[in-house]
Amino acid sequence: MFIRSAMVGFGHYLPPKILTNDDLSQMVETNDEWIRTRTGIAVRHIAEAETTSAVAGKAVENAIKNAGLTPQDVDLLILATVTPDNTTPATSVLIARNLGFRAGVPAFDISAACSGFVYALTLADNMIRLGQVKTAVVVGAECLSKIVDWTDRNTCVLFGDGAGAVVLQAVKGNGTADDTGVLSTCIYADGNQYEHLKTTGGVSTTQNSGFVQMNGKEVFKHAVVSLAEAAETAMQKAHISKEDVNWLIPHQANIRIIESVGERLSIAQEKVIVTVDHHGNTSAASIPLALSENMEQKRLHKGDVVVLTAMGAGFTWGGAVVRL
């Protein structure tokens, strides 16, 4: 018997406040056309009084309900974020407490920036396949508005807040590409690229979070190659071809990057999911947000083969193939 991790529930949450490009033009020297042309972003959601635990908690709650389960059924919670409520304890522990998870259920955060969801999915999938847990929740959530310098027009136009979550459950498979669930994952990092995308502060350096700082040209150059290569590797490991792919969901950072990755993989643009226009870059939340939103809209269907790929600060990157 071969154990797979099936995605049985999806949930997401976006804070109610919407920040448009015209709003941003009142804050920094920019305009709607400039932002849309270079990024593809029209609006983004901003968490005002809400914390990451609150935003993530709503996505987790929605995913558990969507799966037809209760918090008492969950055996594991992993949160991917770079904007935790507190330096310690882990924000996932607070989410588990607030939602009424059983005492003793493991919960932890991981920090892999925009690749965080793929990293967390990899960990949860491994634990399910090893038989350590049967039901896991993986959530990506960010309140990036808290670490954005709103006077820096090169970065403040890019980011948004939100959360997306999936519920994974152990199912029996044959160990082939026809199985339901996570068919493959791959994750990577290269610390030599550390300086290109980071915050200006941290606990052990400046005793504060600092603001996001980015070398856009270097990020773009590495993103297209890394996203495409991670997707290709995940597809090879899953023993599927590009013809088998129903949907590609790349990290939602920039429309130019998204389109370039699709072209590099020879996947038609109509098969590439785009949410960056109304979410902005939500880092670890971007892929699960796109998954949940498109499942809710019935654009994605059970049995579809979906390729996920992400790259973020670190640099970290990774890919996954899932049959829904």
C-alpha atoms as a PDB file:
ATOM      1  CA  MET A   1       0.000   0.000   0.000  1.00  0.00           C
ATOM      2  CA  PHE A   2       1.251   3.488  -0.938  1.00  0.00           C
ATOM      3  CA  ILE A   3       0.177   6.453   1.201  1.00  0.00           C
ATOM      4  CA  ARG A   4      -0.560   9.804  -0.451  1.00  0.00           C
ATOM      5  CA  SER A   5      -1.548  13.187   1.003  1.00  0.00           C
ATOM      6  CA  ALA A   6      -4.847  14.241  -0.560  1.00  0.00           C
ATOM      7  CA  MET A   7      -6.055  17.851  -0.479  1.00  0.00           C
ATOM      8  CA  VAL A   8      -9.542  17.461   0.983  1.00  0.00           C
ATOM      9  CA  GLY A   9     -10.281  21.018   2.132  1.00  0.00           C
ATOM     10  CA  PHE A  10      -9.461  24.563   1.037  1.00  0.00           C
ATOM     11  CA  GLY A  11      -9.930  27.903   2.735  1.00  0.00           C
ATOM     12  CA  HIS A  12      -8.771  31.488   2.402  1.00  0.00           C
ATOM     13  CA  TYR A  13      -9.266  34.891   3.909  1.00  0.00           C
ATOM     14  CA  LEU A  14      -8.564  38.429   2.725  1.00  0.00           C
ATOM     15  CA  PRO A  15      -8.787  41.468   5.025  1.00  0.00           C
ATOM     16  CA  PRO A  16     -11.669  43.781   4.066  1.00  0.00           C
ATOM     17  CA  LYS A  17      -9.566  46.901   3.440  1.00  0.00           C
ATOM     18  CA  ILE A  18      -8.604  47.276  -0.219  1.00  0.00           C
ATOM     19  CA  LEU A  19      -5.733  49.515  -1.295  1.00  0.00           C
ATOM     20  CA  THR A  20      -5.900  50.547  -4.960  1.00  0.00           C
ATOM     21  CA  ASN A  21      -3.131  51.860  -7.181  1.00  0.00           C
ATOM     22  CA  ASP A  22      -4.839  55.243  -7.123  1.00  0.00           C
ATOM     23  CA  ASP A  23      -4.678  55.160  -3.321  1.00  0.00           C
ATOM     24  CA  LEU A  24      -0.951  54.509  -3.551  1.00  0.00           C
ATOM     25  CA  SER A  25      -0.509  57.431  -5.929  1.00  0.00           C
ATOM     26  CA  GLN A  26      -1.579  59.652  -3.038  1.00  0.00           C
ATOM     27  CA  MET A  27       1.170  58.188  -0.845  1.00  0.00           C
ATOM     28  CA  VAL A  28       4.194  57.928  -3.167  1.00  0.00           C
ATOM     29  CA  GLU A  29       5.168  59.139  -6.636  1.00  0.00           C
ATOM     30  CA  THR A  30       3.479  56.508  -8.804  1.00  0.00           C
ATOM     31  CA  ASN A  31       0.308  55.909 -10.818  1.00  0.00           C
ATOM     32  CA  ASP A  32      -2.035  53.104 -11.805  1.00  0.00           C
ATOM     33  CA  GLU A  33      -0.584  52.638 -15.305  1.00  0.00           C
ATOM     34  CA  TRP A  34       3.007  52.424 -13.995  1.00  0.00           C
ATOM     35  CA  ILE A  35       2.099  49.755 -11.428  1.00  0.00           C
ATOM     36  CA  ARG A  36      -0.125  47.680 -13.737  1.00  0.00           C
ATOM     37  CA  THR A  37       2.409  47.729 -16.577  1.00  0.00           C
ATOM     38  CA  ARG A  38       5.331  46.599 -14.433  1.00  0.00           C
ATOM     39  CA  THR A  39       3.610  44.258 -11.979  1.00  0.00           C
ATOM     40  CA  GLY A  40       0.087  43.430 -13.156  1.00  0.00           C
ATOM     41  CA  ILE A  41      -1.269  44.498  -9.761  1.00  0.00           C
ATOM     42  CA  ALA A  42      -4.447  46.591  -9.521  1.00  0.00           C
ATOM     43  CA  VAL A  43      -5.422  46.189  -5.853  1.00  0.00           C
ATOM     44  CA  ARG A  44      -4.226  44.489  -2.694  1.00  0.00           C
ATOM     45  CA  HIS A  45      -5.804  43.770   0.706  1.00  0.00           C
ATOM     46  CA  ILE A  46      -4.437  45.327   3.890  1.00  0.00           C
ATOM     47  CA  ALA A  47      -4.831  44.022   7.428  1.00  0.00           C
ATOM     48  CA  GLU A  48      -5.411  46.970   9.726  1.00  0.00           C
ATOM     49  CA  ALA A  49      -6.045  45.817  13.303  1.00  0.00           C
ATOM     50  CA  GLU A  50      -5.826  42.124  12.350  1.00  0.00           C
ATOM     51  CA  THR A  51      -2.749  40.059  13.141  1.00  0.00           C
ATOM     52  CA  THR A  52      -1.307  37.154  11.182  1.00  0.00           C
ATOM     53  CA  SER A  53      -2.851  34.687  13.650  1.00  0.00           C
ATOM     54  CA  ALA A  54      -6.279  36.227  13.026  1.00  0.00           C
ATOM     55  CA  VAL A  55      -5.920  36.211   9.240  1.00  0.00           C
ATOM     56  CA  ALA A  56      -4.475  32.682   9.198  1.00  0.00           C
ATOM     57  CA  GLY A  57      -7.025  31.424  11.702  1.00  0.00           C
ATOM     58  CA  LYS A  58      -9.933  32.369   9.453  1.00  0.00           C
ATOM     59  CA  ALA A  59      -8.377  30.592   6.479  1.00  0.00           C
ATOM     60  CA  VAL A  60      -7.712  27.473   8.583  1.00  0.00           C
ATOM     61  CA  GLU A  61     -11.248  27.502   9.976  1.00  0.00           C
ATOM     62  CA  ASN A  62     -12.678  27.806   6.451  1.00  0.00           C
ATOM     63  CA  ALA A  63     -10.486  24.956   5.156  1.00  0.00           C
ATOM     64  CA  ILE A  64     -11.485  22.614   7.986  1.00  0.00           C
ATOM     65  CA  LYS A  65     -15.180  23.352   7.416  1.00  0.00           C
ATOM     66  CA  ASN A  66     -14.723  22.874   3.666  1.00  0.00           C
ATOM     67  CA  ALA A  67     -13.248  19.429   4.379  1.00  0.00           C
ATOM     68  CA  GLY A  68     -16.269  18.501   6.478  1.00  0.00           C
ATOM     69  CA  LEU A  69     -14.099  18.171   9.586  1.00  0.00           C
ATOM     70  CA  THR A  70     -13.703  19.880  12.955  1.00  0.00           C
ATOM     71  CA  PRO A  71     -10.547  21.253  14.637  1.00  0.00           C
ATOM     72  CA  GLN A  72     -10.589  18.144  16.843  1.00  0.00           C
ATOM     73  CA  ASP A  73      -9.849  16.021  13.757  1.00  0.00           C
ATOM     74  CA  VAL A  74      -6.538  17.754  12.994  1.00  0.00           C
ATOM     75  CA  ASP A  75      -3.258  16.001  13.876  1.00  0.00           C
ATOM     76  CA  LEU A  76      -0.782  18.654  12.675  1.00  0.00           C
ATOM     77  CA  LEU A  77      -0.688  22.387  11.896  1.00  0.00           C
ATOM     78  CA  ILE A  78       2.101  24.072   9.951  1.00  0.00           C
ATOM     79  CA  LEU A  79       2.093  27.826   9.326  1.00  0.00           C
ATOM     80  CA  ALA A  80       4.339  29.387   6.692  1.00  0.00           C
ATOM     81  CA  THR A  81       4.914  33.080   7.398  1.00  0.00           C
ATOM     82  CA  VAL A  82       7.563  35.800   7.677  1.00  0.00           C
ATOM     83  CA  THR A  83       5.234  38.048   9.692  1.00  0.00           C
ATOM     84  CA  PRO A  84       4.516  36.177  12.953  1.00  0.00           C
ATOM     85  CA  ASP A  85       2.499  37.766  15.754  1.00  0.00           C
ATOM     86  CA  ASN A  86       5.445  37.439  18.136  1.00  0.00           C
ATOM     87  CA  THR A  87       9.039  36.352  17.816  1.00  0.00           C
ATOM     88  CA  THR A  88       8.056  33.472  20.112  1.00  0.00           C
ATOM     89  CA  PRO A  89       5.935  31.408  20.676  1.00  0.00           C
ATOM     90  CA  ALA A  90       5.062  30.199  17.188  1.00  0.00           C
ATOM     91  CA  THR A  91       1.973  31.852  15.727  1.00  0.00           C
ATOM     92  CA  SER A  92       0.626  28.415  14.762  1.00  0.00           C
ATOM     93  CA  VAL A  93       0.294  27.533  18.438  1.00  0.00           C
ATOM     94  CA  LEU A  94      -1.942  30.570  18.958  1.00  0.00           C
ATOM     95  CA  ILE A  95      -4.064  29.576  15.964  1.00  0.00           C
ATOM     96  CA  ALA A  96      -4.446  26.067  17.371  1.00  0.00           C
ATOM     97  CA  ARG A  97      -5.507  27.467  20.747  1.00  0.00           C
ATOM     98  CA  ASN A  98      -7.979  29.913  19.239  1.00  0.00           C
ATOM     99  CA  LEU A  99      -9.631  27.246  17.072  1.00  0.00           C
ATOM    100  CA  GLY A 100      -9.788  24.590  19.786  1.00  0.00           C
ATOM    101  CA  PHE A 101      -7.301  22.011  18.524  1.00  0.00           C
ATOM    102  CA  ARG A 102      -6.622  19.048  20.820  1.00  0.00           C
ATOM    103  CA  ALA A 103      -3.847  19.537  23.382  1.00  0.00           C
ATOM    104  CA  GLY A 104      -0.705  17.796  22.208  1.00  0.00           C
ATOM    105  CA  VAL A 105      -1.250  18.329  18.472  1.00  0.00           C
ATOM    106  CA  PRO A 106       2.074  19.536  17.004  1.00  0.00           C
ATOM    107  CA  ALA A 107       2.022  23.063  15.603  1.00  0.00           C
ATOM    108  CA  PHE A 108       4.968  25.039  14.289  1.00  0.00           C
ATOM    109  CA  ASP A 109       5.928  27.902  11.971  1.00  0.00           C
ATOM    110  CA  ILE A 110       8.406  27.856   9.124  1.00  0.00           C
ATOM    111  CA  SER A 111      10.070  30.845   7.493  1.00  0.00           C
ATOM    112  CA  ALA A 112      10.931  30.338   3.837  1.00  0.00           C
ATOM    113  CA  ALA A 113       9.399  33.577   2.540  1.00  0.00           C
ATOM    114  CA  CYS A 114       7.448  33.195  -0.709  1.00  0.00           C
ATOM    115  CA  SER A 115       8.391  29.494  -0.898  1.00  0.00           C
ATOM    116  CA  GLY A 116       6.975  28.887   2.564  1.00  0.00           C
ATOM    117  CA  PHE A 117       3.826  27.074   1.481  1.00  0.00           C
ATOM    118  CA  VAL A 118       5.728  24.635  -0.751  1.00  0.00           C
ATOM    119  CA  TYR A 119       8.205  24.006   2.089  1.00  0.00           C
ATOM    120  CA  ALA A 120       5.358  23.435   4.572  1.00  0.00           C
ATOM    121  CA  LEU A 121       3.487  21.203   2.116  1.00  0.00           C
ATOM    122  CA  THR A 122       6.630  19.101   1.721  1.00  0.00           C
ATOM    123  CA  LEU A 123       6.968  18.641   5.481  1.00  0.00           C
ATOM    124  CA  ALA A 124       3.306  17.759   6.009  1.00  0.00           C
ATOM    125  CA  ASP A 125       3.321  15.346   3.057  1.00  0.00           C
ATOM    126  CA  ASN A 126       6.379  13.553   4.427  1.00  0.00           C
ATOM    127  CA  MET A 127       4.838  13.196   7.890  1.00  0.00           C
ATOM    128  CA  ILE A 128       1.610  11.809   6.421  1.00  0.00           C
ATOM    129  CA  ARG A 129       3.438   9.337   4.186  1.00  0.00           C
ATOM    130  CA  LEU A 130       5.530   8.174   7.159  1.00  0.00           C
ATOM    131  CA  GLY A 131       2.335   7.486   9.091  1.00  0.00           C
ATOM    132  CA  GLN A 132       3.087  10.051  11.810  1.00  0.00           C
ATOM    133  CA  VAL A 133      -0.188  11.939  11.232  1.00  0.00           C
ATOM    134  CA  LYS A 134      -3.385  11.323   9.262  1.00  0.00           C
ATOM    135  CA  THR A 135      -4.849  14.820   8.953  1.00  0.00           C
ATOM    136  CA  ALA A 136      -2.743  17.967   8.574  1.00  0.00           C
ATOM    137  CA  VAL A 137      -3.473  21.612   7.920  1.00  0.00           C
ATOM    138  CA  VAL A 138      -0.942  23.707   6.003  1.00  0.00           C
ATOM    139  CA  VAL A 139      -1.514  27.459   5.951  1.00  0.00           C
ATOM    140  CA  GLY A 140       0.382  30.326   4.369  1.00  0.00           C
ATOM    141  CA  ALA A 141      -0.404  33.711   5.884  1.00  0.00           C
ATOM    142  CA  GLU A 142       1.152  37.151   5.796  1.00  0.00           C
ATOM    143  CA  CYS A 143       0.610  40.682   7.031  1.00  0.00           C
ATOM    144  CA  LEU A 144       3.316  42.135   4.821  1.00  0.00           C
ATOM    145  CA  SER A 145       1.862  45.620   5.177  1.00  0.00           C
ATOM    146  CA  LYS A 146       3.473  45.632   8.637  1.00  0.00           C
ATOM    147  CA  ILE A 147       7.003  45.347   7.191  1.00  0.00           C
ATOM    148  CA  VAL A 148       6.615  47.530   4.102  1.00  0.00           C
ATOM    149  CA  ASP A 149       8.173  50.987   3.918  1.00  0.00           C
ATOM    150  CA  TRP A 150       5.237  53.013   2.606  1.00  0.00           C
ATOM    151  CA  THR A 151       7.611  55.729   1.367  1.00  0.00           C
ATOM    152  CA  ASP A 152       9.494  53.312  -0.937  1.00  0.00           C
ATOM    153  CA  ARG A 153       7.595  53.172  -4.218  1.00  0.00           C
ATOM    154  CA  ASN A 154       9.724  50.269  -5.506  1.00  0.00           C
ATOM    155  CA  THR A 155       8.416  47.894  -2.841  1.00  0.00           C
ATOM    156  CA  CYS A 156       5.233  49.295  -1.300  1.00  0.00           C
ATOM    157  CA  VAL A 157       3.239  48.797  -4.493  1.00  0.00           C
ATOM    158  CA  LEU A 158       3.976  45.067  -4.569  1.00  0.00           C
ATOM    159  CA  PHE A 159       2.729  43.522  -1.366  1.00  0.00           C
ATOM    160  CA  GLY A 160      -0.603  42.572   0.164  1.00  0.00           C
ATOM    161  CA  ASP A 161      -2.005  40.658   3.134  1.00  0.00           C
ATOM    162  CA  GLY A 162      -4.019  37.455   3.279  1.00  0.00           C
ATOM    163  CA  ALA A 163      -4.034  33.752   4.037  1.00  0.00           C
ATOM    164  CA  GLY A 164      -4.759  30.442   2.320  1.00  0.00           C
ATOM    165  CA  ALA A 165      -4.964  26.969   3.821  1.00  0.00           C
ATOM    166  CA  VAL A 166      -5.361  23.353   2.740  1.00  0.00           C
ATOM    167  CA  VAL A 167      -6.339  20.248   4.680  1.00  0.00           C
ATOM    168  CA  LEU A 168      -4.358  17.124   3.831  1.00  0.00           C
ATOM    169  CA  GLN A 169      -5.494  13.599   4.655  1.00  0.00           C
ATOM    170  CA  ALA A 170      -3.823  10.241   4.211  1.00  0.00           C
ATOM    171  CA  VAL A 171      -5.309   8.187   1.360  1.00  0.00           C
ATOM    172  CA  LYS A 172      -4.292   4.911  -0.256  1.00  0.00           C
ATOM    173  CA  GLY A 173      -2.597   5.035  -3.616  1.00  0.00           C
ATOM    174  CA  ASN A 174      -0.723   2.831  -6.060  1.00  0.00           C
ATOM    175  CA  GLY A 175       2.429   4.919  -6.174  1.00  0.00           C
ATOM    176  CA  THR A 176       1.734   6.059  -9.734  1.00  0.00           C
ATOM    177  CA  ALA A 177       0.946   9.376 -11.418  1.00  0.00           C
ATOM    178  CA  ASP A 178      -2.732   8.370 -11.474  1.00  0.00           C
ATOM    179  CA  ASP A 179      -2.969   8.644  -7.675  1.00  0.00           C
ATOM    180  CA  THR A 180      -4.913  11.417  -5.951  1.00  0.00           C
ATOM    181  CA  GLY A 181      -2.876  13.749  -3.749  1.00  0.00           C
ATOM    182  CA  VAL A 182       0.635  15.142  -3.614  1.00  0.00           C
ATOM    183  CA  LEU A 183       2.583  13.342  -6.317  1.00  0.00           C
ATOM    184  CA  SER A 184       5.947  15.050  -5.755  1.00  0.00           C
ATOM    185  CA  THR A 185       7.723  17.944  -4.066  1.00  0.00           C
ATOM    186  CA  CYS A 186      11.160  19.499  -4.262  1.00  0.00           C
ATOM    187  CA  ILE A 187      12.683  22.341  -2.231  1.00  0.00           C
ATOM    188  CA  TYR A 188      15.951  24.276  -2.472  1.00  0.00           C
ATOM    189  CA  ALA A 189      17.903  27.228  -1.050  1.00  0.00           C
ATOM    190  CA  ASP A 190      20.946  29.303  -1.983  1.00  0.00           C
ATOM    191  CA  GLY A 191      22.233  31.611   0.742  1.00  0.00           C
ATOM    192  CA  ASN A 192      24.586  33.279  -1.727  1.00  0.00           C
ATOM    193  CA  GLN A 193      21.564  35.311  -2.853  1.00  0.00           C
ATOM    194  CA  TYR A 194      20.726  36.444   0.707  1.00  0.00           C
ATOM    195  CA  GLU A 195      21.315  40.150   0.124  1.00  0.00           C
ATOM    196  CA  HIS A 196      18.969  40.529  -2.846  1.00  0.00           C
ATOM    197  CA  LEU A 197      15.709  40.266  -0.901  1.00  0.00           C
ATOM    198  CA  LYS A 198      15.554  40.789   2.857  1.00  0.00           C
ATOM    199  CA  THR A 199      14.360  43.073   5.617  1.00  0.00           C
ATOM    200  CA  THR A 200      16.518  45.845   6.975  1.00  0.00           C
ATOM    201  CA  GLY A 201      16.273  44.520  10.535  1.00  0.00           C
ATOM    202  CA  GLY A 202      15.846  41.537  12.798  1.00  0.00           C
ATOM    203  CA  VAL A 203      15.787  40.426  16.432  1.00  0.00           C
ATOM    204  CA  SER A 204      19.522  39.756  16.816  1.00  0.00           C
ATOM    205  CA  THR A 205      20.694  42.653  14.613  1.00  0.00           C
ATOM    206  CA  THR A 206      18.525  45.727  15.106  1.00  0.00           C
ATOM    207  CA  GLN A 207      15.958  44.450  17.636  1.00  0.00           C
ATOM    208  CA  ASN A 208      13.129  45.323  15.237  1.00  0.00           C
ATOM    209  CA  SER A 209      11.616  43.764  12.129  1.00  0.00           C
ATOM    210  CA  GLY A 210      12.847  46.381   9.669  1.00  0.00           C
ATOM    211  CA  PHE A 211      11.371  46.895   6.199  1.00  0.00           C
ATOM    212  CA  VAL A 212      11.433  44.826   3.017  1.00  0.00           C
ATOM    213  CA  GLN A 213      14.342  45.690   0.736  1.00  0.00           C
ATOM    214  CA  MET A 214      14.748  44.223  -2.753  1.00  0.00           C
ATOM    215  CA  ASN A 215      17.125  44.145  -5.694  1.00  0.00           C
ATOM    216  CA  GLY A 216      14.382  43.804  -8.291  1.00  0.00           C
ATOM    217  CA  LYS A 217      16.583  42.970 -11.290  1.00  0.00           C
ATOM    218  CA  GLU A 218      18.342  40.096  -9.521  1.00  0.00           C
ATOM    219  CA  VAL A 219      15.119  38.749  -8.078  1.00  0.00           C
ATOM    220  CA  PHE A 220      13.454  38.755 -11.499  1.00  0.00           C
ATOM    221  CA  LYS A 221      16.416  37.062 -13.171  1.00  0.00           C
ATOM    222  CA  HIS A 222      16.610  34.248 -10.629  1.00  0.00           C
ATOM    223  CA  ALA A 223      12.832  33.898 -10.232  1.00  0.00           C
ATOM    224  CA  VAL A 224      12.033  32.937 -13.813  1.00  0.00           C
ATOM    225  CA  VAL A 225      14.754  30.284 -13.957  1.00  0.00           C
ATOM    226  CA  SER A 226      14.177  28.882 -10.460  1.00  0.00           C
ATOM    227  CA  LEU A 227      10.386  28.729 -10.771  1.00  0.00           C
ATOM    228  CA  ALA A 228      10.578  26.929 -14.115  1.00  0.00           C
ATOM    229  CA  GLU A 229      13.310  24.510 -13.033  1.00  0.00           C
ATOM    230  CA  ALA A 230      11.514  23.607  -9.800  1.00  0.00           C
ATOM    231  CA  ALA A 231       8.313  22.929 -11.745  1.00  0.00           C
ATOM    232  CA  GLU A 232      10.175  20.783 -14.265  1.00  0.00           C
ATOM    233  CA  THR A 233      11.874  18.778 -11.511  1.00  0.00           C
ATOM    234  CA  ALA A 234       8.594  18.221  -9.672  1.00  0.00           C
ATOM    235  CA  MET A 235       6.956  17.076 -12.908  1.00  0.00           C
ATOM    236  CA  GLN A 236       9.798  14.650 -13.624  1.00  0.00           C
ATOM    237  CA  LYS A 237       9.584  13.214 -10.105  1.00  0.00           C
ATOM    238  CA  ALA A 238       5.819  12.794 -10.506  1.00  0.00           C
ATOM    239  CA  HIS A 239       6.292  11.128 -13.915  1.00  0.00           C
ATOM    240  CA  ILE A 240       4.025  13.574 -15.712  1.00  0.00           C
ATOM    241  CA  SER A 241       4.544  15.641 -18.853  1.00  0.00           C
ATOM    242  CA  LYS A 242       3.430  19.179 -19.645  1.00  0.00           C
ATOM    243  CA  GLU A 243       0.533  17.649 -21.595  1.00  0.00           C
ATOM    244  CA  ASP A 244      -0.763  16.117 -18.349  1.00  0.00           C
ATOM    245  CA  VAL A 245      -0.874  19.492 -16.579  1.00  0.00           C
ATOM    246  CA  ASN A 246      -4.282  21.082 -16.164  1.00  0.00           C
ATOM    247  CA  TRP A 247      -3.097  24.119 -14.218  1.00  0.00           C
ATOM    248  CA  LEU A 248       0.104  25.902 -13.277  1.00  0.00           C
ATOM    249  CA  ILE A 249       0.013  27.993 -10.098  1.00  0.00           C
ATOM    250  CA  PRO A 250       3.269  29.934  -9.744  1.00  0.00           C
ATOM    251  CA  HIS A 251       4.000  32.243  -6.834  1.00  0.00           C
ATOM    252  CA  GLN A 252       2.097  35.472  -7.488  1.00  0.00           C
ATOM    253  CA  ALA A 253       4.829  38.110  -7.419  1.00  0.00           C
ATOM    254  CA  ASN A 254       4.731  39.837 -10.782  1.00  0.00           C
ATOM    255  CA  ILE A 255       2.727  39.227 -13.962  1.00  0.00           C
ATOM    256  CA  ARG A 256       5.866  39.363 -16.105  1.00  0.00           C
ATOM    257  CA  ILE A 257       7.491  36.597 -14.055  1.00  0.00           C
ATOM    258  CA  ILE A 258       4.297  34.516 -14.138  1.00  0.00           C
ATOM    259  CA  GLU A 259       3.970  34.803 -17.927  1.00  0.00           C
ATOM    260  CA  SER A 260       7.668  34.100 -18.474  1.00  0.00           C
ATOM    261  CA  VAL A 261       7.515  30.919 -16.382  1.00  0.00           C
ATOM    262  CA  GLY A 262       4.534  29.651 -18.366  1.00  0.00           C
ATOM    263  CA  GLU A 263       6.361  30.331 -21.630  1.00  0.00           C
ATOM    264  CA  ARG A 264       9.546  28.658 -20.393  1.00  0.00           C
ATOM    265  CA  LEU A 265       7.551  25.550 -19.459  1.00  0.00           C
ATOM    266  CA  SER A 266       5.569  25.649 -22.746  1.00  0.00           C
ATOM    267  CA  ILE A 267       2.311  25.705 -20.773  1.00  0.00           C
ATOM    268  CA  ALA A 268      -0.458  27.731 -22.418  1.00  0.00           C
ATOM    269  CA  GLN A 269      -1.264  30.977 -20.626  1.00  0.00           C
ATOM    270  CA  GLU A 270      -4.915  29.944 -20.255  1.00  0.00           C
ATOM    271  CA  LYS A 271      -3.687  27.144 -17.983  1.00  0.00           C
ATOM    272  CA  VAL A 272      -1.727  29.540 -15.766  1.00  0.00           C
ATOM    273  CA  ILE A 273      -3.608  30.784 -12.690  1.00  0.00           C
ATOM    274  CA  VAL A 274      -3.186  34.530 -12.060  1.00  0.00           C
ATOM    275  CA  THR A 275      -4.355  36.250  -8.867  1.00  0.00           C
ATOM    276  CA  VAL A 276      -1.602  38.843  -8.477  1.00  0.00           C
ATOM    277  CA  ASP A 277      -3.884  41.466 -10.055  1.00  0.00           C
ATOM    278  CA  HIS A 278      -6.245  41.490  -7.060  1.00  0.00           C
ATOM    279  CA  HIS A 279      -4.035  40.074  -4.283  1.00  0.00           C
ATOM    280  CA  GLY A 280      -0.625  41.583  -4.908  1.00  0.00           C
ATOM    281  CA  ASN A 281       2.357  39.596  -3.641  1.00  0.00           C
ATOM    282  CA  THR A 282       1.203  37.840  -0.461  1.00  0.00           C
ATOM    283  CA  SER A 283       4.412  35.800  -0.060  1.00  0.00           C
ATOM    284  CA  ALA A 284       3.718  32.415   1.596  1.00  0.00           C
ATOM    285  CA  ALA A 285      -0.031  32.956   1.211  1.00  0.00           C
ATOM    286  CA  SER A 286      -0.059  33.422  -2.563  1.00  0.00           C
ATOM    287  CA  ILE A 287      -0.249  29.792  -3.729  1.00  0.00           C
ATOM    288  CA  PRO A 288      -2.803  28.520  -1.175  1.00  0.00           C
ATOM    289  CA  LEU A 289      -4.865  31.692  -1.715  1.00  0.00           C
ATOM    290  CA  ALA A 290      -4.932  30.983  -5.443  1.00  0.00           C
ATOM    291  CA  LEU A 291      -5.751  27.313  -4.856  1.00  0.00           C
ATOM    292  CA  SER A 292      -8.643  28.038  -2.494  1.00  0.00           C
ATOM    293  CA  GLU A 293     -10.089  30.928  -4.481  1.00  0.00           C
ATOM    294  CA  ASN A 294     -10.106  28.950  -7.725  1.00  0.00           C
ATOM    295  CA  MET A 295     -11.553  25.861  -6.046  1.00  0.00           C
ATOM    296  CA  GLU A 296     -14.334  28.063  -4.650  1.00  0.00           C
ATOM    297  CA  GLN A 297     -14.953  29.507  -8.114  1.00  0.00           C
ATOM    298  CA  LYS A 298     -15.064  25.923  -9.497  1.00  0.00           C
ATOM    299  CA  ARG A 299     -12.327  26.690 -11.954  1.00  0.00           C
ATOM    300  CA  LEU A 300     -10.262  23.845 -10.499  1.00  0.00           C
ATOM    301  CA  HIS A 301     -11.848  20.402 -10.291  1.00  0.00           C
ATOM    302  CA  LYS A 302     -11.225  17.105  -8.584  1.00  0.00           C
ATOM    303  CA  GLY A 303      -8.838  15.044 -10.669  1.00  0.00           C
ATOM    304  CA  ASP A 304      -7.011  18.071 -12.099  1.00  0.00           C
ATOM    305  CA  VAL A 305      -3.215  17.920 -12.131  1.00  0.00           C
ATOM    306  CA  VAL A 306      -1.833  21.149 -10.668  1.00  0.00           C
ATOM    307  CA  VAL A 307       1.816  22.236 -10.672  1.00  0.00           C
ATOM    308  CA  LEU A 308       2.867  24.603  -7.889  1.00  0.00           C
ATOM    309  CA  THR A 309       6.137  26.543  -7.959  1.00  0.00           C
ATOM    310  CA  ALA A 310       7.548  29.338  -5.806  1.00  0.00           C
ATOM    311  CA  MET A 311      10.673  31.360  -5.116  1.00  0.00           C
ATOM    312  CA  GLY A 312      11.384  33.818  -2.339  1.00  0.00           C
ATOM    313  CA  ALA A 313      13.920  35.520  -0.122  1.00  0.00           C
ATOM    314  CA  GLY A 314      16.906  33.449   0.848  1.00  0.00           C
ATOM    315  CA  PHE A 315      16.806  32.588  -1.985  1.00  0.00           C
ATOM    316  CA  THR A 316      14.489  29.645  -1.375  1.00  0.00           C
ATOM    317  CA  TRP A 317      12.490  27.908  -4.064  1.00  0.00           C
ATOM    318  CA  GLY A 318      10.563  24.750  -4.719  1.00  0.00           C
ATOM    319  CA  GLY A 319       7.852  22.951  -6.632  1.00  0.00           C
ATOM    320  CA  ALA A 320       5.103  20.391  -6.204  1.00  0.00           C
ATOM    321  CA  VAL A 321       2.689  18.384  -8.308  1.00  0.00           C
ATOM    322  CA  VAL A 322      -0.765  17.597  -6.925  1.00  0.00           C
ATOM    323  CA  ARG A 323      -3.693  15.685  -8.342  1.00  0.00           C
ATOM    324  CA  LEU A 324      -6.754  17.255  -6.733  1.00  0.00           C
END
